[in-house]
């Protein structure tokens, strides 16, 4: 019986270690220069967001394509703005294994090393990476 309890407690500890809220310095390090693709669990649709090292973003959902800006707040929240809208949408960022969760927006792929979004063929440009 005690082995079963130990196994359950160990599994819970491993799951907790794989899901962690990013601090501001971690979010800055991990979210700039990436392309994220995933699903919005609320609406069951797919999205993509390319984030340049400068914080400029290109967000795509269906036929929609908007450019905006990402800022990381001191509390670690990732805040996105897409002009002409003046409002900032802020999210606590959770790391889930190799992916991220921004509330109902969950990544399924993360490509690092992006230096520019929306370049040739409306794709991201990466330095020395093949995928």
C-alpha atoms as a PDB file:
ATOM      1  CA  UNK A   1       0.000   0.000   0.000  1.00  0.00           C
ATOM      2  CA  UNK A   2       2.765   2.449   0.885  1.00  0.00           C
ATOM      3  CA  UNK A   3       4.434   1.797  -2.487  1.00  0.00           C
ATOM      4  CA  UNK A   4       1.231   2.815  -4.270  1.00  0.00           C
ATOM      5  CA  UNK A   5       1.028   6.038  -2.253  1.00  0.00           C
ATOM      6  CA  UNK A   6       4.709   6.726  -2.959  1.00  0.00           C
ATOM      7  CA  UNK A   7       4.161   6.164  -6.691  1.00  0.00           C
ATOM      8  CA  UNK A   8       1.173   8.536  -6.734  1.00  0.00           C
ATOM      9  CA  UNK A   9       3.060  11.229  -4.809  1.00  0.00           C
ATOM     10  CA  UNK A  10       6.103  10.839  -7.102  1.00  0.00           C
ATOM     11  CA  UNK A  11       3.951  11.099 -10.236  1.00  0.00           C
ATOM     12  CA  UNK A  12       2.277  14.238  -8.885  1.00  0.00           C
ATOM     13  CA  UNK A  13       5.700  15.759  -8.170  1.00  0.00           C
ATOM     14  CA  UNK A  14       6.905  15.019 -11.695  1.00  0.00           C
ATOM     15  CA  UNK A  15       3.744  16.538 -13.208  1.00  0.00           C
ATOM     16  CA  UNK A  16       4.156  19.660 -11.067  1.00  0.00           C
ATOM     17  CA  UNK A  17       7.791  19.992 -12.139  1.00  0.00           C
ATOM     18  CA  UNK A  18       6.768  19.846 -15.800  1.00  0.00           C
ATOM     19  CA  UNK A  19       4.194  22.639 -15.379  1.00  0.00           C
ATOM     20  CA  UNK A  20       5.581  25.896 -14.040  1.00  0.00           C
ATOM     21  CA  UNK A  21       4.656  29.572 -14.277  1.00  0.00           C
ATOM     22  CA  UNK A  22       7.394  31.589 -15.957  1.00  0.00           C
ATOM     23  CA  UNK A  23       9.015  34.432 -14.058  1.00  0.00           C
ATOM     24  CA  UNK A  24       9.658  37.678 -15.965  1.00  0.00           C
ATOM     25  CA  UNK A  25      13.294  36.874 -16.787  1.00  0.00           C
ATOM     26  CA  UNK A  26      12.352  33.372 -17.996  1.00  0.00           C
ATOM     27  CA  UNK A  27       9.511  34.732 -20.138  1.00  0.00           C
ATOM     28  CA  UNK A  28      11.820  37.300 -21.768  1.00  0.00           C
ATOM     29  CA  UNK A  29      14.423  34.633 -22.472  1.00  0.00           C
ATOM     30  CA  UNK A  30      11.965  32.057 -23.832  1.00  0.00           C
ATOM     31  CA  UNK A  31       9.289  34.070 -25.679  1.00  0.00           C
ATOM     32  CA  UNK A  32      11.313  36.469 -27.831  1.00  0.00           C
ATOM     33  CA  UNK A  33      12.613  35.070 -31.127  1.00  0.00           C
ATOM     34  CA  UNK A  34      10.105  32.213 -31.408  1.00  0.00           C
ATOM     35  CA  UNK A  35       7.212  31.026 -33.496  1.00  0.00           C
ATOM     36  CA  UNK A  36       4.433  29.401 -31.534  1.00  0.00           C
ATOM     37  CA  UNK A  37       1.588  27.341 -32.978  1.00  0.00           C
ATOM     38  CA  UNK A  38      -1.260  25.812 -31.075  1.00  0.00           C
ATOM     39  CA  UNK A  39      -4.933  25.674 -30.278  1.00  0.00           C
ATOM     40  CA  UNK A  40      -7.381  27.921 -28.465  1.00  0.00           C
ATOM     41  CA  UNK A  41      -9.162  25.459 -26.210  1.00  0.00           C
ATOM     42  CA  UNK A  42     -12.162  27.767 -25.756  1.00  0.00           C
ATOM     43  CA  UNK A  43     -12.961  28.030 -29.477  1.00  0.00           C
ATOM     44  CA  UNK A  44     -11.261  24.822 -30.692  1.00  0.00           C
ATOM     45  CA  UNK A  45      -9.363  26.657 -33.412  1.00  0.00           C
ATOM     46  CA  UNK A  46      -5.708  26.855 -34.356  1.00  0.00           C
ATOM     47  CA  UNK A  47      -3.431  29.889 -34.204  1.00  0.00           C
ATOM     48  CA  UNK A  48       0.176  30.879 -34.850  1.00  0.00           C
ATOM     49  CA  UNK A  49       2.236  33.700 -33.431  1.00  0.00           C
ATOM     50  CA  UNK A  50       5.692  34.724 -34.526  1.00  0.00           C
ATOM     51  CA  UNK A  51       7.578  36.898 -32.030  1.00  0.00           C
ATOM     52  CA  UNK A  52      10.735  38.695 -33.130  1.00  0.00           C
ATOM     53  CA  UNK A  53      13.598  39.413 -30.693  1.00  0.00           C
ATOM     54  CA  UNK A  54      12.368  43.051 -30.622  1.00  0.00           C
ATOM     55  CA  UNK A  55       8.918  41.974 -29.401  1.00  0.00           C
ATOM     56  CA  UNK A  56       7.160  42.644 -32.726  1.00  0.00           C
ATOM     57  CA  UNK A  57       4.585  39.913 -33.321  1.00  0.00           C
ATOM     58  CA  UNK A  58       2.622  38.523 -36.235  1.00  0.00           C
ATOM     59  CA  UNK A  59      -0.500  36.646 -35.114  1.00  0.00           C
ATOM     60  CA  UNK A  60      -2.445  34.369 -37.449  1.00  0.00           C
ATOM     61  CA  UNK A  61      -5.781  32.690 -36.874  1.00  0.00           C
ATOM     62  CA  UNK A  62      -7.618  31.377 -39.917  1.00  0.00           C
ATOM     63  CA  UNK A  63      -7.472  34.103 -42.573  1.00  0.00           C
ATOM     64  CA  UNK A  64      -6.773  36.773 -39.952  1.00  0.00           C
ATOM     65  CA  UNK A  65      -3.250  38.222 -39.793  1.00  0.00           C
ATOM     66  CA  UNK A  66      -2.416  41.034 -37.394  1.00  0.00           C
ATOM     67  CA  UNK A  67       0.822  42.638 -36.298  1.00  0.00           C
ATOM     68  CA  UNK A  68       1.421  43.718 -32.752  1.00  0.00           C
ATOM     69  CA  UNK A  69       3.840  43.893 -29.865  1.00  0.00           C
ATOM     70  CA  UNK A  70       4.740  41.678 -26.902  1.00  0.00           C
ATOM     71  CA  UNK A  71       5.875  43.094 -23.576  1.00  0.00           C
ATOM     72  CA  UNK A  72       6.778  41.106 -20.491  1.00  0.00           C
ATOM     73  CA  UNK A  73       5.634  42.770 -17.272  1.00  0.00           C
ATOM     74  CA  UNK A  74       7.716  42.653 -14.060  1.00  0.00           C
ATOM     75  CA  UNK A  75       5.296  40.056 -12.641  1.00  0.00           C
ATOM     76  CA  UNK A  76       6.043  37.767 -15.611  1.00  0.00           C
ATOM     77  CA  UNK A  77       2.798  38.333 -17.493  1.00  0.00           C
ATOM     78  CA  UNK A  78       3.099  38.290 -21.284  1.00  0.00           C
ATOM     79  CA  UNK A  79       1.093  41.232 -22.625  1.00  0.00           C
ATOM     80  CA  UNK A  80       0.112  41.499 -26.293  1.00  0.00           C
ATOM     81  CA  UNK A  81      -1.228  44.543 -28.143  1.00  0.00           C
ATOM     82  CA  UNK A  82      -2.484  44.655 -31.724  1.00  0.00           C
ATOM     83  CA  UNK A  83      -3.067  48.225 -32.996  1.00  0.00           C
ATOM     84  CA  UNK A  84      -5.298  50.023 -33.600  1.00  0.00           C
ATOM     85  CA  UNK A  85      -6.722  48.423 -30.434  1.00  0.00           C
ATOM     86  CA  UNK A  86      -5.278  50.269 -27.437  1.00  0.00           C
ATOM     87  CA  UNK A  87      -5.960  47.408 -25.001  1.00  0.00           C
ATOM     88  CA  UNK A  88      -3.244  45.022 -23.876  1.00  0.00           C
ATOM     89  CA  UNK A  89      -4.175  41.372 -23.338  1.00  0.00           C
ATOM     90  CA  UNK A  90      -2.044  39.911 -20.556  1.00  0.00           C
ATOM     91  CA  UNK A  91      -1.518  36.265 -19.666  1.00  0.00           C
ATOM     92  CA  UNK A  92       0.295  34.292 -17.006  1.00  0.00           C
ATOM     93  CA  UNK A  93       2.557  31.977 -18.979  1.00  0.00           C
ATOM     94  CA  UNK A  94       2.795  28.369 -17.881  1.00  0.00           C
ATOM     95  CA  UNK A  95       5.486  26.084 -19.245  1.00  0.00           C
ATOM     96  CA  UNK A  96       4.037  22.639 -19.934  1.00  0.00           C
ATOM     97  CA  UNK A  97       6.945  20.395 -20.864  1.00  0.00           C
ATOM     98  CA  UNK A  98       8.320  21.869 -24.105  1.00  0.00           C
ATOM     99  CA  UNK A  99       5.163  23.942 -24.700  1.00  0.00           C
ATOM    100  CA  UNK A 100       3.380  26.912 -23.140  1.00  0.00           C
ATOM    101  CA  UNK A 101      -0.099  27.786 -21.917  1.00  0.00           C
ATOM    102  CA  UNK A 102      -1.458  31.339 -22.111  1.00  0.00           C
ATOM    103  CA  UNK A 103      -4.831  30.664 -20.413  1.00  0.00           C
ATOM    104  CA  UNK A 104      -6.883  28.905 -23.133  1.00  0.00           C
ATOM    105  CA  UNK A 105      -4.142  29.360 -25.781  1.00  0.00           C
ATOM    106  CA  UNK A 106      -1.953  26.243 -25.680  1.00  0.00           C
ATOM    107  CA  UNK A 107       1.090  25.723 -27.891  1.00  0.00           C
ATOM    108  CA  UNK A 108       1.665  22.457 -29.721  1.00  0.00           C
ATOM    109  CA  UNK A 109       4.914  23.509 -31.431  1.00  0.00           C
ATOM    110  CA  UNK A 110       7.631  25.980 -30.512  1.00  0.00           C
ATOM    111  CA  UNK A 111      10.304  27.012 -33.032  1.00  0.00           C
ATOM    112  CA  UNK A 112      13.229  28.968 -31.590  1.00  0.00           C
ATOM    113  CA  UNK A 113      15.862  31.140 -33.235  1.00  0.00           C
ATOM    114  CA  UNK A 114      13.418  33.349 -35.160  1.00  0.00           C
ATOM    115  CA  UNK A 115      14.926  36.698 -36.093  1.00  0.00           C
ATOM    116  CA  UNK A 116      12.192  38.110 -38.350  1.00  0.00           C
ATOM    117  CA  UNK A 117       8.481  37.472 -38.886  1.00  0.00           C
ATOM    118  CA  UNK A 118       6.509  38.020 -42.055  1.00  0.00           C
ATOM    119  CA  UNK A 119       9.492  37.938 -44.395  1.00  0.00           C
ATOM    120  CA  UNK A 120       9.628  36.044 -47.705  1.00  0.00           C
ATOM    121  CA  UNK A 121       6.514  33.952 -48.318  1.00  0.00           C
ATOM    122  CA  UNK A 122       5.001  35.307 -45.085  1.00  0.00           C
ATOM    123  CA  UNK A 123       7.085  32.804 -43.114  1.00  0.00           C
ATOM    124  CA  UNK A 124       9.464  33.230 -40.247  1.00  0.00           C
ATOM    125  CA  UNK A 125      13.196  33.525 -40.851  1.00  0.00           C
ATOM    126  CA  UNK A 126      15.537  31.630 -38.573  1.00  0.00           C
ATOM    127  CA  UNK A 127      19.264  31.666 -38.025  1.00  0.00           C
ATOM    128  CA  UNK A 128      20.987  28.381 -38.790  1.00  0.00           C
ATOM    129  CA  UNK A 129      18.030  26.166 -37.938  1.00  0.00           C
ATOM    130  CA  UNK A 130      16.298  23.636 -40.104  1.00  0.00           C
ATOM    131  CA  UNK A 131      12.919  23.390 -38.317  1.00  0.00           C
END
